[in-house]
Amino acid sequence: MNNKNKINIIGGGLAGCEAAYQISKLGIHVDLYEMRPKTKTEAHNTEYLGELVCSNSFRSDDKEFNAVGVLHEELRMSDSLIMKTADLNKVPAGSALAVDRDDFAKQINNIIRSNSKINIINEEVKHLDEFEDQIVIVCTGPLTSSHLTEYIKKKTSENSLAFYDAIAPIVYKDTIDMSIAWKQSRYDKGDGDDYINCPLSEEQYYKFIENVKIAPKMDFKNFEDTPFFEGCMPIEEIIRRGDETLRFGPMKPVGLTNPNKSEEPYAIVQLRQDNKSGTLYNIVGFQTKMKHNAQKDVFKTIPGLEEAEFARLGGLHRNTFIKSPKLLDPYLRLKKSPNIIFSGQITGVEGYVESSAIGLISGMIAAHDFKNINFKLPPENTAHGALLKHITMNANPETFQPMNINFGLMPDINITGEISNKKKYLKGREKKKLQAVNALSSFKKWAEEINI
C-alpha cells in the first residue's frame, strides 16, 4: 500500500467525500476506503457514500443572522460537493436547508464513483501503520470501527471520548390525519407551510410525557457512561430535566395557528419533509432511545398520528471523537505523526455542515502537503476559520465536547464611535449581522487568494 503518488482517505461519509472531491480537483489521485457494505454499522441503511444517518436537515440557511447559514455560504464559495448536492436535492423546510436523503446520497455516490481520480476500496482499515509515511486523512466519523478506535487510542496515548447520537423516526405522510394536523411553518417562514403540525392539549401533553417515561428503553450495552450531545438529545433525556422542558424545545407551541380548532394548543409536535416527493416526514427533535414497539405505541398517542405508519423508527448509536486541541496541530495533523490528518466529526465538530467544512479544509491541506506547498488557513473571523481554530487551539482539551458552529467561536466585534474614541460593543442581531458580513467578506478574499 506504500504508494506516495496518492492520498489515502479512510471513511466515505460527508467529510471523506468532500476531502476526496477537493483533492481530485487538484489532479491528485485518492484511495478512498469505505468499509461498508462488507462491514456494517449500527446506523447506516444503504451502501451509498455520503449517507445521512440522522436528520435530513442541514439546519438554518440564513446567512445574515445565523452562523450555520454563514458556513453554508462559505461552502458554496468553495465549490463544496456536499453543499452543491444539498442545494440540488433540497425539500421544503422553512428557513432551513433540508434534503431528500436518498436522492442526496445517490448523487454523492455517483459523483465520487465516476471520478477517475478517486479509487473506492471497500475494506475496513484496522490500523494506519500499513500506510507508512503516506498522507492519510481519517474521516471515520461517529461510527469509527472498534479496531481503528483501539489503534487511535494506542497511537495517541489517549482514551477516545464518546457520546451517544440518536435518530428520529420517519412517518409516511399519507398516514397522518390532516383533519387534526395542519401544514404551517413557525411564523410562516420559508414557503409558510413547510411543516406538519400535530396539536396537543395540556392533558394530552402530560399523558405523552408519562408514556415516554414508562416506555422500555434500548439497551446501552457497554457504553453506559457515554454522555449525550446537547444538540441531539433524546426526548427521554430532555424530559429528565423537567416535564415542561419539551414545551420550550421541540414541542414549543409558538408561531403557529391551528385552522382546525379555535383553542390554542398546549404543545405542538412538528414533522419535516424528508424526501422530495413529500411521502416521508420525520418527527422534528424526537430522537429517542425507546424500544421500537414502544415507539409505535407512544407516538401513536400524538393527535394526528393515531394511524401513522413508520418508514423508520428511532435509534441510538455511539459517536466517538478525539481530543483535537491536544493531539492536532492547526492544520489538523496529528502532532506525533504529521502525515496523519483527522477530519470530520471525529475531530469534535458536530453536524453535517461542520463535518463537510472540516472535510473540505482537510482535503485542501492534504493536497498542499502532497505538493509541498504552504497552505494558508482561512481567517479566524470566518465560520471555517473559527471552527478550525476552536477544535485545534482554543478549546480546553480536558473539557472538550462536540461543537456546532456559532458566532461565539468567532472573534468579538466592536466598533469605534464617531464622536469619541471609545469602542462600542455590539449585541444581539446587530452584532450577528456584522459578524456574518465580515465573515463572508473575509472568506471571499481568502478563497480568491488561494485560487479556489
Foldseek 3Di string as FASTA:
>chain_A
DQDLQAEEEEAQALLRLQLCVLLVVVVGAYEYEAQPPVDDFPFDDDRFRHADRAFQWQFALDLQFFQSVLLLVLCVLVVGPLSVLQVVAFAFDFRTRGGQRVSSRVVSRVVQVPRPRYHYDNNQDLEDVVNPQHFYEYLHFFGRDPSNQVRVCVVQVHHWAKAKAKHFFKWFPVQFAVLQWAFADQLLGDVGGQKIKFFAAPVLLVVLLVLQQPFAFADPPPCVPHHHDPVRDAVVVQCVVDSCRVCVPQFPQHRDDDPNDHDGGSTMWIWGQNGHVSRMTTTPSNGHGGDPVSQLVSVLSGHRCVRIDTPGHMHMDMGTAHLQQVQAALQQAGPVRRSYHYAACNLQADGSSRRNLRSNSNSVSNSCVSVVHDDDAQDCLAQSNLSSCCSHHVDDSVPRHRYYGGNVSGDFDWDADPPDRDIHGDDDSVRSSVSSVVNSVSSSVSCVVVVD
